[in-house]
Structure formats: structure tokens, C-alpha cells
Amino acid sequence: MPNVKSAVKNLRKSQKRRIQNLSVKSSTKTTIKKYLQLIEAGKTEEAREYLPFVQKQIDMAATKNVFHKNKSSRIKSRLMKKLNVPSEGLLPES
């Protein structure tokens, strides 16, 4: 337990932040799991429509410093690879 008054206040603040961060992290993980379930079920069109929402959720978590920005980029990249979405205009036409 902290002995100094300011340390007590910092402890309260960090506990509140921890609860809020856990909430953001949990909701982000839930959206990612739902997205992965859509892909596993073979519902690729629904997954394509759901992808921007997942990316937004991950970006918001990174903005709130729940995830590091590089971690959020890595997660988004891996999710895109799972769906196998080719970027339009970058692939040569055969």
C-alpha cells in the first residue's frame, strides 16, 4: 500500500485506467473473434463488410494506447491476409 497521499491517488487513477483498458481490449478481441468466425464459416462477403468495423475498433484501441500502434498494424495485416483481399489496382491484369 502506498504511504504518500499522492501515491494513493495515483493508485486509484491507475486502477480506473486498468478497468477501462480491459474493457476496450476485451471488446476489440471480441470483434476480432467474430470476424475470424465469419471467415471460418466461409462467409467471405460478410467478412469483407465487417472488416472496416474491425479495423476501426483496432485503430481506436491503438489511439487510446491500449495497443501499441505497431501491434495494431500487425493485427490488421494478419486479418487482411486471412481474408486474402488483394488490393485493387496493384496486381497486374493477365
PDB file of N, CA and C in Angstrom:
ATOM      1  N   MET A   1       0.830  -1.181   0.000  1.00  0.00           N
ATOM      2  CA  MET A   1       0.000   0.000   0.000  1.00  0.00           C
ATOM      3  C   MET A   1       0.878   1.249   0.000  1.00  0.00           C
ATOM      4  N   PRO A   2       0.476   2.248  -0.753  1.00  0.00           N
ATOM      5  CA  PRO A   2       1.246   3.490  -0.772  1.00  0.00           C
ATOM      6  C   PRO A   2       1.110   4.260   0.544  1.00  0.00           C
ATOM      7  N   ASN A   3       2.159   4.956   0.890  1.00  0.00           N
ATOM      8  CA  ASN A   3       2.177   5.715   2.135  1.00  0.00           C
ATOM      9  C   ASN A   3       1.899   7.201   1.926  1.00  0.00           C
ATOM     10  N   VAL A   4       2.206   7.709   0.758  1.00  0.00           N
ATOM     11  CA  VAL A   4       2.079   9.132   0.466  1.00  0.00           C
ATOM     12  C   VAL A   4       0.705   9.395  -0.164  1.00  0.00           C
ATOM     13  N   LYS A   5       0.160  10.555   0.138  1.00  0.00           N
ATOM     14  CA  LYS A   5      -1.182  10.900  -0.342  1.00  0.00           C
ATOM     15  C   LYS A   5      -1.266  10.891  -1.865  1.00  0.00           C
ATOM     16  N   SER A   6      -0.253  11.428  -2.523  1.00  0.00           N
ATOM     17  CA  SER A   6      -0.262  11.465  -3.992  1.00  0.00           C
ATOM     18  C   SER A   6      -0.155  10.059  -4.577  1.00  0.00           C
ATOM     19  N   ALA A   7       0.563   9.169  -3.897  1.00  0.00           N
ATOM     20  CA  ALA A   7       0.688   7.788  -4.365  1.00  0.00           C
ATOM     21  C   ALA A   7      -0.639   7.050  -4.249  1.00  0.00           C
ATOM     22  N   VAL A   8      -1.412   7.389  -3.219  1.00  0.00           N
ATOM     23  CA  VAL A   8      -2.739   6.783  -3.051  1.00  0.00           C
ATOM     24  C   VAL A   8      -3.632   7.197  -4.212  1.00  0.00           C
ATOM     25  N   LYS A   9      -3.579   8.481  -4.559  1.00  0.00           N
ATOM     26  CA  LYS A   9      -4.385   8.986  -5.672  1.00  0.00           C
ATOM     27  C   LYS A   9      -3.940   8.339  -6.983  1.00  0.00           C
ATOM     28  N   ASN A  10      -2.627   8.206  -7.178  1.00  0.00           N
ATOM     29  CA  ASN A  10      -2.122   7.564  -8.403  1.00  0.00           C
ATOM     30  C   ASN A  10      -2.577   6.116  -8.489  1.00  0.00           C
ATOM     31  N   LEU A  11      -2.653   5.443  -7.368  1.00  0.00           N
ATOM     32  CA  LEU A  11      -3.128   4.062  -7.353  1.00  0.00           C
ATOM     33  C   LEU A  11      -4.586   3.994  -7.798  1.00  0.00           C
ATOM     34  N   ARG A  12      -5.422   4.910  -7.284  1.00  0.00           N
ATOM     35  CA  ARG A  12      -6.824   4.956  -7.692  1.00  0.00           C
ATOM     36  C   ARG A  12      -6.944   5.222  -9.187  1.00  0.00           C
ATOM     37  N   LYS A  13      -6.153   6.162  -9.682  1.00  0.00           N
ATOM     38  CA  LYS A  13      -6.198   6.507 -11.103  1.00  0.00           C
ATOM     39  C   LYS A  13      -5.786   5.320 -11.967  1.00  0.00           C
ATOM     40  N   SER A  14      -4.728   4.634 -11.560  1.00  0.00           N
ATOM     41  CA  SER A  14      -4.246   3.511 -12.363  1.00  0.00           C
ATOM     42  C   SER A  14      -5.245   2.358 -12.360  1.00  0.00           C
ATOM     43  N   GLN A  15      -5.962   2.169 -11.255  1.00  0.00           N
ATOM     44  CA  GLN A  15      -6.977   1.119 -11.206  1.00  0.00           C
ATOM     45  C   GLN A  15      -8.141   1.437 -12.136  1.00  0.00           C
ATOM     46  N   LYS A  16      -8.557   2.704 -12.172  1.00  0.00           N
ATOM     47  CA  LYS A  16      -9.626   3.107 -13.087  1.00  0.00           C
ATOM     48  C   LYS A  16      -9.194   2.932 -14.536  1.00  0.00           C
ATOM     49  N   ARG A  17      -7.965   3.326 -14.822  1.00  0.00           N
ATOM     50  CA  ARG A  17      -7.448   3.184 -16.190  1.00  0.00           C
ATOM     51  C   ARG A  17      -7.368   1.723 -16.592  1.00  0.00           C
ATOM     52  N   ARG A  18      -6.938   0.876 -15.657  1.00  0.00           N
ATOM     53  CA  ARG A  18      -6.811  -0.553 -15.941  1.00  0.00           C
ATOM     54  C   ARG A  18      -8.167  -1.153 -16.309  1.00  0.00           C
ATOM     55  N   ILE A  19      -9.197  -0.795 -15.566  1.00  0.00           N
ATOM     56  CA  ILE A  19     -10.539  -1.313 -15.857  1.00  0.00           C
ATOM     57  C   ILE A  19     -11.009  -0.858 -17.231  1.00  0.00           C
ATOM     58  N   GLN A  20     -10.776   0.425 -17.540  1.00  0.00           N
ATOM     59  CA  GLN A  20     -11.188   0.951 -18.841  1.00  0.00           C
ATOM     60  C   GLN A  20     -10.409   0.274 -19.974  1.00  0.00           C
ATOM     61  N   ASN A  21      -9.107   0.097 -19.777  1.00  0.00           N
ATOM     62  CA  ASN A  21      -8.293  -0.552 -20.808  1.00  0.00           C
ATOM     63  C   ASN A  21      -8.719  -2.000 -21.019  1.00  0.00           C
ATOM     64  N   LEU A  22      -9.055  -2.695 -19.934  1.00  0.00           N
ATOM     65  CA  LEU A  22      -9.525  -4.079 -20.064  1.00  0.00           C
ATOM     66  C   LEU A  22     -10.814  -4.134 -20.869  1.00  0.00           C
ATOM     67  N   SER A  23     -11.681  -3.164 -20.661  1.00  0.00           N
ATOM     68  CA  SER A  23     -12.943  -3.118 -21.391  1.00  0.00           C
ATOM     69  C   SER A  23     -12.700  -2.929 -22.886  1.00  0.00           C
ATOM     70  N   VAL A  24     -11.824  -2.001 -23.231  1.00  0.00           N
ATOM     71  CA  VAL A  24     -11.512  -1.730 -24.644  1.00  0.00           C
ATOM     72  C   VAL A  24     -10.848  -2.951 -25.275  1.00  0.00           C
ATOM     73  N   LYS A  25      -9.901  -3.537 -24.563  1.00  0.00           N
ATOM     74  CA  LYS A  25      -9.193  -4.698 -25.081  1.00  0.00           C
ATOM     75  C   LYS A  25     -10.140  -5.872 -25.298  1.00  0.00           C
ATOM     76  N   SER A  26     -11.045  -6.087 -24.356  1.00  0.00           N
ATOM     77  CA  SER A  26     -11.992  -7.191 -24.452  1.00  0.00           C
ATOM     78  C   SER A  26     -12.932  -7.012 -25.641  1.00  0.00           C
ATOM     79  N   SER A  27     -13.465  -5.818 -25.814  1.00  0.00           N
ATOM     80  CA  SER A  27     -14.388  -5.592 -26.933  1.00  0.00           C
ATOM     81  C   SER A  27     -13.666  -5.716 -28.273  1.00  0.00           C
ATOM     82  N   THR A  28     -12.421  -5.289 -28.323  1.00  0.00           N
ATOM     83  CA  THR A  28     -11.642  -5.416 -29.556  1.00  0.00           C
ATOM     84  C   THR A  28     -11.404  -6.885 -29.885  1.00  0.00           C
ATOM     85  N   LYS A  29     -11.028  -7.668 -28.884  1.00  0.00           N
ATOM     86  CA  LYS A  29     -10.805  -9.093 -29.107  1.00  0.00           C
ATOM     87  C   LYS A  29     -12.083  -9.799 -29.539  1.00  0.00           C
ATOM     88  N   THR A  30     -13.212  -9.364 -28.993  1.00  0.00           N
ATOM     89  CA  THR A  30     -14.493  -9.966 -29.354  1.00  0.00           C
ATOM     90  C   THR A  30     -14.807  -9.719 -30.823  1.00  0.00           C
ATOM     91  N   THR A  31     -14.572  -8.495 -31.302  1.00  0.00           N
ATOM     92  CA  THR A  31     -14.837  -8.191 -32.709  1.00  0.00           C
ATOM     93  C   THR A  31     -13.904  -8.982 -33.621  1.00  0.00           C
ATOM     94  N   ILE A  32     -12.656  -9.153 -33.193  1.00  0.00           N
ATOM     95  CA  ILE A  32     -11.702  -9.933 -33.993  1.00  0.00           C
ATOM     96  C   ILE A  32     -12.154 -11.391 -34.073  1.00  0.00           C
ATOM     97  N   LYS A  33     -12.602 -11.946 -32.946  1.00  0.00           N
ATOM     98  CA  LYS A  33     -13.062 -13.340 -32.941  1.00  0.00           C
ATOM     99  C   LYS A  33     -14.287 -13.519 -33.825  1.00  0.00           C
ATOM    100  N   LYS A  34     -15.193 -12.557 -33.792  1.00  0.00           N
ATOM    101  CA  LYS A  34     -16.379 -12.634 -34.635  1.00  0.00           C
ATOM    102  C   LYS A  34     -15.987 -12.608 -36.110  1.00  0.00           C
ATOM    103  N   TYR A  35     -15.020 -11.760 -36.451  1.00  0.00           N
ATOM    104  CA  TYR A  35     -14.517 -11.669 -37.819  1.00  0.00           C
ATOM    105  C   TYR A  35     -13.894 -12.999 -38.256  1.00  0.00           C
ATOM    106  N   LEU A  36     -13.091 -13.593 -37.388  1.00  0.00           N
ATOM    107  CA  LEU A  36     -12.443 -14.863 -37.721  1.00  0.00           C
ATOM    108  C   LEU A  36     -13.476 -15.988 -37.849  1.00  0.00           C
ATOM    109  N   GLN A  37     -14.541 -15.940 -37.061  1.00  0.00           N
ATOM    110  CA  GLN A  37     -15.593 -16.941 -37.175  1.00  0.00           C
ATOM    111  C   GLN A  37     -16.320 -16.817 -38.508  1.00  0.00           C
ATOM    112  N   LEU A  38     -16.501 -15.590 -38.980  1.00  0.00           N
ATOM    113  CA  LEU A  38     -17.122 -15.394 -40.290  1.00  0.00           C
ATOM    114  C   LEU A  38     -16.258 -16.009 -41.388  1.00  0.00           C
ATOM    115  N   ILE A  39     -14.957 -15.828 -41.295  1.00  0.00           N
ATOM    116  CA  ILE A  39     -14.049 -16.378 -42.302  1.00  0.00           C
ATOM    117  C   ILE A  39     -14.072 -17.907 -42.257  1.00  0.00           C
ATOM    118  N   GLU A  40     -14.018 -18.484 -41.046  1.00  0.00           N
ATOM    119  CA  GLU A  40     -14.021 -19.941 -40.918  1.00  0.00           C
ATOM    120  C   GLU A  40     -15.324 -20.553 -41.416  1.00  0.00           C
ATOM    121  N   ALA A  41     -16.420 -19.822 -41.262  1.00  0.00           N
ATOM    122  CA  ALA A  41     -17.720 -20.316 -41.715  1.00  0.00           C
ATOM    123  C   ALA A  41     -17.870 -20.192 -43.226  1.00  0.00           C
ATOM    124  N   GLY A  42     -16.915 -19.547 -43.880  1.00  0.00           N
ATOM    125  CA  GLY A  42     -16.969 -19.396 -45.330  1.00  0.00           C
ATOM    126  C   GLY A  42     -17.813 -18.220 -45.781  1.00  0.00           C
ATOM    127  N   LYS A  43     -18.176 -17.343 -44.888  1.00  0.00           N
ATOM    128  CA  LYS A  43     -18.983 -16.168 -45.222  1.00  0.00           C
ATOM    129  C   LYS A  43     -18.053 -14.998 -45.547  1.00  0.00           C
ATOM    130  N   THR A  44     -17.379 -15.112 -46.696  1.00  0.00           N
ATOM    131  CA  THR A  44     -16.367 -14.114 -47.030  1.00  0.00           C
ATOM    132  C   THR A  44     -16.968 -12.750 -47.335  1.00  0.00           C
ATOM    133  N   GLU A  45     -18.138 -12.716 -47.938  1.00  0.00           N
ATOM    134  CA  GLU A  45     -18.751 -11.416 -48.243  1.00  0.00           C
ATOM    135  C   GLU A  45     -19.117 -10.675 -46.962  1.00  0.00           C
ATOM    136  N   GLU A  46     -19.671 -11.391 -45.989  1.00  0.00           N
ATOM    137  CA  GLU A  46     -19.993 -10.759 -44.713  1.00  0.00           C
ATOM    138  C   GLU A  46     -18.718 -10.314 -44.004  1.00  0.00           C
ATOM    139  N   ALA A  47     -17.665 -11.115 -44.131  1.00  0.00           N
ATOM    140  CA  ALA A  47     -16.392 -10.765 -43.511  1.00  0.00           C
ATOM    141  C   ALA A  47     -15.814  -9.510 -44.151  1.00  0.00           C
ATOM    142  N   ARG A  48     -15.948  -9.383 -45.487  1.00  0.00           N
ATOM    143  CA  ARG A  48     -15.466  -8.175 -46.176  1.00  0.00           C
ATOM    144  C   ARG A  48     -16.211  -6.935 -45.694  1.00  0.00           C
ATOM    145  N   GLU A  49     -17.506  -7.071 -45.469  1.00  0.00           N
ATOM    146  CA  GLU A  49     -18.285  -5.936 -44.990  1.00  0.00           C
ATOM    147  C   GLU A  49     -17.956  -5.608 -43.530  1.00  0.00           C
ATOM    148  N   TYR A  50     -17.576  -6.608 -42.768  1.00  0.00           N
ATOM    149  CA  TYR A  50     -17.286  -6.437 -41.343  1.00  0.00           C
ATOM    150  C   TYR A  50     -15.866  -5.935 -41.100  1.00  0.00           C
ATOM    151  N   LEU A  51     -14.979  -6.124 -42.077  1.00  0.00           N
ATOM    152  CA  LEU A  51     -13.564  -5.774 -41.916  1.00  0.00           C
ATOM    153  C   LEU A  51     -13.333  -4.303 -41.559  1.00  0.00           C
ATOM    154  N   PRO A  52     -13.970  -3.327 -42.215  1.00  0.00           N
ATOM    155  CA  PRO A  52     -13.721  -1.931 -41.825  1.00  0.00           C
ATOM    156  C   PRO A  52     -14.092  -1.637 -40.369  1.00  0.00           C
ATOM    157  N   PHE A  53     -15.136  -2.277 -39.875  1.00  0.00           N
ATOM    158  CA  PHE A  53     -15.522  -2.090 -38.480  1.00  0.00           C
ATOM    159  C   PHE A  53     -14.434  -2.644 -37.551  1.00  0.00           C
ATOM    160  N   VAL A  54     -13.877  -3.796 -37.910  1.00  0.00           N
ATOM    161  CA  VAL A  54     -12.810  -4.405 -37.101  1.00  0.00           C
ATOM    162  C   VAL A  54     -11.583  -3.504 -37.106  1.00  0.00           C
ATOM    163  N   GLN A  55     -11.234  -2.995 -38.275  1.00  0.00           N
ATOM    164  CA  GLN A  55     -10.065  -2.116 -38.373  1.00  0.00           C
ATOM    165  C   GLN A  55     -10.263  -0.846 -37.555  1.00  0.00           C
ATOM    166  N   LYS A  56     -11.454  -0.290 -37.596  1.00  0.00           N
ATOM    167  CA  LYS A  56     -11.736   0.909 -36.826  1.00  0.00           C
ATOM    168  C   LYS A  56     -11.594   0.635 -35.334  1.00  0.00           C
ATOM    169  N   GLN A  57     -12.105  -0.505 -34.900  1.00  0.00           N
ATOM    170  CA  GLN A  57     -12.020  -0.878 -33.484  1.00  0.00           C
ATOM    171  C   GLN A  57     -10.556  -1.005 -33.055  1.00  0.00           C
ATOM    172  N   ILE A  58      -9.738  -1.626 -33.894  1.00  0.00           N
ATOM    173  CA  ILE A  58      -8.321  -1.801 -33.569  1.00  0.00           C
ATOM    174  C   ILE A  58      -7.610  -0.449 -33.535  1.00  0.00           C
ATOM    175  N   ASP A  59      -7.926   0.419 -34.493  1.00  0.00           N
ATOM    176  CA  ASP A  59      -7.313   1.745 -34.524  1.00  0.00           C
ATOM    177  C   ASP A  59      -7.693   2.565 -33.290  1.00  0.00           C
ATOM    178  N   MET A  60      -8.941   2.443 -32.866  1.00  0.00           N
ATOM    179  CA  MET A  60      -9.370   3.179 -31.680  1.00  0.00           C
ATOM    180  C   MET A  60      -8.642   2.675 -30.436  1.00  0.00           C
ATOM    181  N   ALA A  61      -8.398   1.387 -30.354  1.00  0.00           N
ATOM    182  CA  ALA A  61      -7.650   0.838 -29.225  1.00  0.00           C
ATOM    183  C   ALA A  61      -6.211   1.345 -29.246  1.00  0.00           C
ATOM    184  N   ALA A  62      -5.644   1.475 -30.446  1.00  0.00           N
ATOM    185  CA  ALA A  62      -4.278   1.987 -30.559  1.00  0.00           C
ATOM    186  C   ALA A  62      -4.233   3.469 -30.192  1.00  0.00           C
ATOM    187  N   THR A  63      -5.278   4.207 -30.565  1.00  0.00           N
ATOM    188  CA  THR A  63      -5.341   5.627 -30.237  1.00  0.00           C
ATOM    189  C   THR A  63      -5.404   5.836 -28.726  1.00  0.00           C
ATOM    190  N   LYS A  64      -6.097   4.934 -28.039  1.00  0.00           N
ATOM    191  CA  LYS A  64      -6.226   5.030 -26.582  1.00  0.00           C
ATOM    192  C   LYS A  64      -5.044   4.389 -25.850  1.00  0.00           C
ATOM    193  N   ASN A  65      -4.022   3.998 -26.592  1.00  0.00           N
ATOM    194  CA  ASN A  65      -2.805   3.383 -26.052  1.00  0.00           C
ATOM    195  C   ASN A  65      -3.076   2.068 -25.329  1.00  0.00           C
ATOM    196  N   VAL A  66      -4.133   1.359 -25.746  1.00  0.00           N
ATOM    197  CA  VAL A  66      -4.360   0.020 -25.218  1.00  0.00           C
ATOM    198  C   VAL A  66      -3.433  -0.944 -25.941  1.00  0.00           C
ATOM    199  N   PHE A  67      -3.311  -0.767 -27.257  1.00  0.00           N
ATOM    200  CA  PHE A  67      -2.345  -1.499 -28.066  1.00  0.00           C
ATOM    201  C   PHE A  67      -1.324  -0.506 -28.594  1.00  0.00           C
ATOM    202  N   HIS A  68      -0.112  -0.970 -28.799  1.00  0.00           N
ATOM    203  CA  HIS A  68       0.893  -0.147 -29.469  1.00  0.00           C
ATOM    204  C   HIS A  68       0.508  -0.019 -30.930  1.00  0.00           C
ATOM    205  N   LYS A  69       0.867   1.078 -31.561  1.00  0.00           N
ATOM    206  CA  LYS A  69       0.452   1.302 -32.953  1.00  0.00           C
ATOM    207  C   LYS A  69       1.014   0.232 -33.889  1.00  0.00           C
ATOM    208  N   ASN A  70       2.219  -0.253 -33.616  1.00  0.00           N
ATOM    209  CA  ASN A  70       2.780  -1.298 -34.466  1.00  0.00           C
ATOM    210  C   ASN A  70       2.046  -2.623 -34.269  1.00  0.00           C
ATOM    211  N   LYS A  71       1.626  -2.891 -33.046  1.00  0.00           N
ATOM    212  CA  LYS A  71       0.866  -4.113 -32.790  1.00  0.00           C
ATOM    213  C   LYS A  71      -0.470  -4.065 -33.518  1.00  0.00           C
ATOM    214  N   SER A  72      -1.107  -2.903 -33.496  1.00  0.00           N
ATOM    215  CA  SER A  72      -2.395  -2.786 -34.184  1.00  0.00           C
ATOM    216  C   SER A  72      -2.211  -2.960 -35.689  1.00  0.00           C
ATOM    217  N   SER A  73      -1.136  -2.427 -36.235  1.00  0.00           N
ATOM    218  CA  SER A  73      -0.859  -2.612 -37.663  1.00  0.00           C
ATOM    219  C   SER A  73      -0.613  -4.075 -37.989  1.00  0.00           C
ATOM    220  N   ARG A  74       0.101  -4.749 -37.115  1.00  0.00           N
ATOM    221  CA  ARG A  74       0.385  -6.170 -37.321  1.00  0.00           C
ATOM    222  C   ARG A  74      -0.897  -6.996 -37.279  1.00  0.00           C
ATOM    223  N   ILE A  75      -1.763  -6.693 -36.324  1.00  0.00           N
ATOM    224  CA  ILE A  75      -3.030  -7.421 -36.216  1.00  0.00           C
ATOM    225  C   ILE A  75      -3.867  -7.210 -37.475  1.00  0.00           C
ATOM    226  N   LYS A  76      -3.975  -5.959 -37.925  1.00  0.00           N
ATOM    227  CA  LYS A  76      -4.776  -5.665 -39.120  1.00  0.00           C
ATOM    228  C   LYS A  76      -4.203  -6.365 -40.348  1.00  0.00           C
ATOM    229  N   SER A  77      -2.892  -6.391 -40.450  1.00  0.00           N
ATOM    230  CA  SER A  77      -2.253  -7.047 -41.587  1.00  0.00           C
ATOM    231  C   SER A  77      -2.564  -8.537 -41.594  1.00  0.00           C
ATOM    232  N   ARG A  78      -2.497  -9.167 -40.444  1.00  0.00           N
ATOM    233  CA  ARG A  78      -2.772 -10.604 -40.366  1.00  0.00           C
ATOM    234  C   ARG A  78      -4.233 -10.910 -40.668  1.00  0.00           C
ATOM    235  N   LEU A  79      -5.122 -10.024 -40.227  1.00  0.00           N
ATOM    236  CA  LEU A  79      -6.543 -10.230 -40.515  1.00  0.00           C
ATOM    237  C   LEU A  79      -6.820 -10.090 -42.008  1.00  0.00           C
ATOM    238  N   MET A  80      -6.133  -9.153 -42.652  1.00  0.00           N
ATOM    239  CA  MET A  80      -6.300  -8.981 -44.094  1.00  0.00           C
ATOM    240  C   MET A  80      -5.790 -10.226 -44.831  1.00  0.00           C
ATOM    241  N   LYS A  81      -4.682 -10.772 -44.380  1.00  0.00           N
ATOM    242  CA  LYS A  81      -4.137 -11.974 -45.017  1.00  0.00           C
ATOM    243  C   LYS A  81      -5.097 -13.151 -44.878  1.00  0.00           C
ATOM    244  N   LYS A  82      -5.776 -13.234 -43.743  1.00  0.00           N
ATOM    245  CA  LYS A  82      -6.736 -14.328 -43.550  1.00  0.00           C
ATOM    246  C   LYS A  82      -7.848 -14.266 -44.587  1.00  0.00           C
ATOM    247  N   LEU A  83      -8.275 -13.057 -44.890  1.00  0.00           N
ATOM    248  CA  LEU A  83      -9.354 -12.894 -45.860  1.00  0.00           C
ATOM    249  C   LEU A  83      -8.835 -12.973 -47.286  1.00  0.00           C
ATOM    250  N   ASN A  84      -7.536 -12.748 -47.460  1.00  0.00           N
ATOM    251  CA  ASN A  84      -6.909 -12.790 -48.784  1.00  0.00           C
ATOM    252  C   ASN A  84      -7.498 -11.739 -49.714  1.00  0.00           C
ATOM    253  N   VAL A  85      -7.533 -10.510 -49.245  1.00  0.00           N
ATOM    254  CA  VAL A  85      -8.077  -9.418 -50.041  1.00  0.00           C
ATOM    255  C   VAL A  85      -6.951  -8.805 -50.853  1.00  0.00           C
ATOM    256  N   PRO A  86      -6.968  -8.991 -52.183  1.00  0.00           N
ATOM    257  CA  PRO A  86      -5.949  -8.328 -52.981  1.00  0.00           C
ATOM    258  C   PRO A  86      -6.299  -6.854 -53.135  1.00  0.00           C
ATOM    259  N   SER A  87      -5.283  -6.009 -53.065  1.00  0.00           N
ATOM    260  CA  SER A  87      -5.515  -4.575 -53.255  1.00  0.00           C
ATOM    261  C   SER A  87      -5.816  -4.317 -54.712  1.00  0.00           C
ATOM    262  N   GLU A  88      -6.845  -3.536 -54.964  1.00  0.00           N
ATOM    263  CA  GLU A  88      -7.259  -3.272 -56.335  1.00  0.00           C
ATOM    264  C   GLU A  88      -6.267  -2.334 -57.006  1.00  0.00           C
ATOM    265  N   GLY A  89      -5.889  -2.654 -58.205  1.00  0.00           N
ATOM    266  CA  GLY A  89      -5.002  -1.793 -58.959  1.00  0.00           C
ATOM    267  C   GLY A  89      -3.529  -2.127 -58.788  1.00  0.00           C
ATOM    268  N   LEU A  90      -3.171  -2.958 -57.826  1.00  0.00           N
ATOM    269  CA  LEU A  90      -1.778  -3.270 -57.606  1.00  0.00           C
ATOM    270  C   LEU A  90      -1.349  -4.542 -58.337  1.00  0.00           C
ATOM    271  N   LEU A  91      -2.293  -5.427 -58.616  1.00  0.00           N
ATOM    272  CA  LEU A  91      -1.951  -6.668 -59.293  1.00  0.00           C
ATOM    273  C   LEU A  91      -2.043  -6.479 -60.797  1.00  0.00           C
ATOM    274  N   PRO A  92      -1.082  -7.015 -61.542  1.00  0.00           N
ATOM    275  CA  PRO A  92      -1.150  -6.893 -62.999  1.00  0.00           C
ATOM    276  C   PRO A  92      -2.272  -7.756 -63.570  1.00  0.00           C
ATOM    277  N   GLU A  93      -2.923  -7.251 -64.592  1.00  0.00           N
ATOM    278  CA  GLU A  93      -4.006  -7.996 -65.243  1.00  0.00           C
ATOM    279  C   GLU A  93      -3.408  -9.006 -66.204  1.00  0.00           C
ATOM    280  N   SER A  94      -3.950 -10.216 -66.206  1.00  0.00           N
ATOM    281  CA  SER A  94      -3.420 -11.267 -67.090  1.00  0.00           C
ATOM    282  C   SER A  94      -4.372 -11.509 -68.238  1.00  0.00           C
TER     283      SER A  94
END
